[in-house]
């Protein structure tokens, strides 16, 4: 088995497709499970930010974060909250 390194622009592109699919689905809520690095990257793309800024958004194990909107703009409703 070998490790495939993902380039930031490739990761961002994949996550942008996930976000577009969720936004275009017509559902009010969607649930994503993953490891911290992937979820931070998802949050950065939700906010329209560069993936490299994810380092400023610590995410602990077994926490809940909620991506949403505030006045029609992408926002973090909750971040890194213990359930």
C-alpha atoms as a PDB file:
ATOM      1  CA  UNK A   1       0.000   0.000   0.000  1.00  0.00           C
ATOM      2  CA  UNK A   2       1.240   3.464  -0.758  1.00  0.00           C
ATOM      3  CA  UNK A   3       0.318   6.941   0.364  1.00  0.00           C
ATOM      4  CA  UNK A   4      -1.114   9.284  -2.227  1.00  0.00           C
ATOM      5  CA  UNK A   5      -0.438  12.903  -1.423  1.00  0.00           C
ATOM      6  CA  UNK A   6      -3.296  15.254  -2.141  1.00  0.00           C
ATOM      7  CA  UNK A   7      -2.514  18.695  -3.476  1.00  0.00           C
ATOM      8  CA  UNK A   8      -4.407  21.518  -1.740  1.00  0.00           C
ATOM      9  CA  UNK A   9      -6.118  22.631  -4.950  1.00  0.00           C
ATOM     10  CA  UNK A  10      -7.325  19.061  -5.569  1.00  0.00           C
ATOM     11  CA  UNK A  11      -8.725  18.785  -2.040  1.00  0.00           C
ATOM     12  CA  UNK A  12     -10.389  22.207  -2.350  1.00  0.00           C
ATOM     13  CA  UNK A  13     -11.949  21.213  -5.670  1.00  0.00           C
ATOM     14  CA  UNK A  14     -13.395  17.991  -4.227  1.00  0.00           C
ATOM     15  CA  UNK A  15     -14.774  19.790  -1.183  1.00  0.00           C
ATOM     16  CA  UNK A  16     -16.274  22.529  -3.338  1.00  0.00           C
ATOM     17  CA  UNK A  17     -18.171  19.787  -5.215  1.00  0.00           C
ATOM     18  CA  UNK A  18     -19.422  18.323  -1.915  1.00  0.00           C
ATOM     19  CA  UNK A  19     -20.626  21.748  -0.786  1.00  0.00           C
ATOM     20  CA  UNK A  20     -22.324  22.450  -4.119  1.00  0.00           C
ATOM     21  CA  UNK A  21     -24.055  19.077  -3.950  1.00  0.00           C
ATOM     22  CA  UNK A  22     -25.355  19.701  -0.425  1.00  0.00           C
ATOM     23  CA  UNK A  23     -26.483  23.241  -1.222  1.00  0.00           C
ATOM     24  CA  UNK A  24     -28.204  22.073  -4.400  1.00  0.00           C
ATOM     25  CA  UNK A  25     -29.899  19.069  -2.797  1.00  0.00           C
ATOM     26  CA  UNK A  26     -32.811  20.976  -1.275  1.00  0.00           C
ATOM     27  CA  UNK A  27     -32.227  19.480   2.184  1.00  0.00           C
ATOM     28  CA  UNK A  28     -32.109  21.708   5.248  1.00  0.00           C
ATOM     29  CA  UNK A  29     -29.375  19.725   6.996  1.00  0.00           C
ATOM     30  CA  UNK A  30     -26.611  17.291   6.079  1.00  0.00           C
ATOM     31  CA  UNK A  31     -24.260  15.386   8.367  1.00  0.00           C
ATOM     32  CA  UNK A  32     -20.559  14.850   7.647  1.00  0.00           C
ATOM     33  CA  UNK A  33     -18.268  12.604   9.633  1.00  0.00           C
ATOM     34  CA  UNK A  34     -14.527  12.629   9.214  1.00  0.00           C
ATOM     35  CA  UNK A  35     -11.172  13.274  10.769  1.00  0.00           C
ATOM     36  CA  UNK A  36     -10.090  16.687  11.956  1.00  0.00           C
ATOM     37  CA  UNK A  37      -7.998  17.655   8.932  1.00  0.00           C
ATOM     38  CA  UNK A  38     -10.799  16.867   6.476  1.00  0.00           C
ATOM     39  CA  UNK A  39     -13.443  18.630   8.539  1.00  0.00           C
ATOM     40  CA  UNK A  40     -11.294  21.725   8.974  1.00  0.00           C
ATOM     41  CA  UNK A  41     -10.729  21.780   5.225  1.00  0.00           C
ATOM     42  CA  UNK A  42     -14.485  21.442   4.665  1.00  0.00           C
ATOM     43  CA  UNK A  43     -15.117  24.387   6.992  1.00  0.00           C
ATOM     44  CA  UNK A  44     -12.540  26.523   5.175  1.00  0.00           C
ATOM     45  CA  UNK A  45     -14.168  25.841   1.816  1.00  0.00           C
ATOM     46  CA  UNK A  46     -17.651  26.462   3.301  1.00  0.00           C
ATOM     47  CA  UNK A  47     -16.417  29.881   4.370  1.00  0.00           C
ATOM     48  CA  UNK A  48     -14.687  30.473   1.029  1.00  0.00           C
ATOM     49  CA  UNK A  49     -11.266  30.542   2.661  1.00  0.00           C
ATOM     50  CA  UNK A  50      -7.945  29.032   1.645  1.00  0.00           C
ATOM     51  CA  UNK A  51      -7.297  25.572   3.089  1.00  0.00           C
ATOM     52  CA  UNK A  52      -4.080  26.774   4.691  1.00  0.00           C
ATOM     53  CA  UNK A  53      -6.099  28.873   7.166  1.00  0.00           C
ATOM     54  CA  UNK A  54      -7.465  25.678   8.739  1.00  0.00           C
ATOM     55  CA  UNK A  55      -4.514  25.622  11.106  1.00  0.00           C
ATOM     56  CA  UNK A  56      -6.196  28.507  12.968  1.00  0.00           C
ATOM     57  CA  UNK A  57      -9.320  26.407  13.637  1.00  0.00           C
ATOM     58  CA  UNK A  58      -8.379  23.696  16.144  1.00  0.00           C
ATOM     59  CA  UNK A  59     -10.699  20.717  16.209  1.00  0.00           C
ATOM     60  CA  UNK A  60     -10.692  18.189  19.042  1.00  0.00           C
ATOM     61  CA  UNK A  61     -11.753  14.557  18.882  1.00  0.00           C
ATOM     62  CA  UNK A  62     -15.463  13.764  19.270  1.00  0.00           C
ATOM     63  CA  UNK A  63     -16.689  17.337  19.005  1.00  0.00           C
ATOM     64  CA  UNK A  64     -19.570  18.825  17.080  1.00  0.00           C
ATOM     65  CA  UNK A  65     -19.325  21.694  14.636  1.00  0.00           C
ATOM     66  CA  UNK A  66     -22.159  23.240  12.649  1.00  0.00           C
ATOM     67  CA  UNK A  67     -21.702  25.067   9.375  1.00  0.00           C
ATOM     68  CA  UNK A  68     -24.535  27.379   8.495  1.00  0.00           C
ATOM     69  CA  UNK A  69     -25.366  30.858   7.313  1.00  0.00           C
ATOM     70  CA  UNK A  70     -25.760  34.264   8.872  1.00  0.00           C
ATOM     71  CA  UNK A  71     -27.717  36.786   6.825  1.00  0.00           C
ATOM     72  CA  UNK A  72     -27.192  34.685   3.730  1.00  0.00           C
ATOM     73  CA  UNK A  73     -23.427  34.368   4.157  1.00  0.00           C
ATOM     74  CA  UNK A  74     -21.569  31.166   5.114  1.00  0.00           C
ATOM     75  CA  UNK A  75     -20.805  31.070   8.843  1.00  0.00           C
ATOM     76  CA  UNK A  76     -19.667  28.783  11.663  1.00  0.00           C
ATOM     77  CA  UNK A  77     -22.697  28.338  13.915  1.00  0.00           C
ATOM     78  CA  UNK A  78     -20.782  26.106  16.338  1.00  0.00           C
ATOM     79  CA  UNK A  79     -17.190  24.983  16.335  1.00  0.00           C
ATOM     80  CA  UNK A  80     -15.432  22.274  18.322  1.00  0.00           C
ATOM     81  CA  UNK A  81     -18.238  21.890  20.891  1.00  0.00           C
ATOM     82  CA  UNK A  82     -18.306  18.905  23.258  1.00  0.00           C
ATOM     83  CA  UNK A  83     -21.624  17.042  22.843  1.00  0.00           C
END
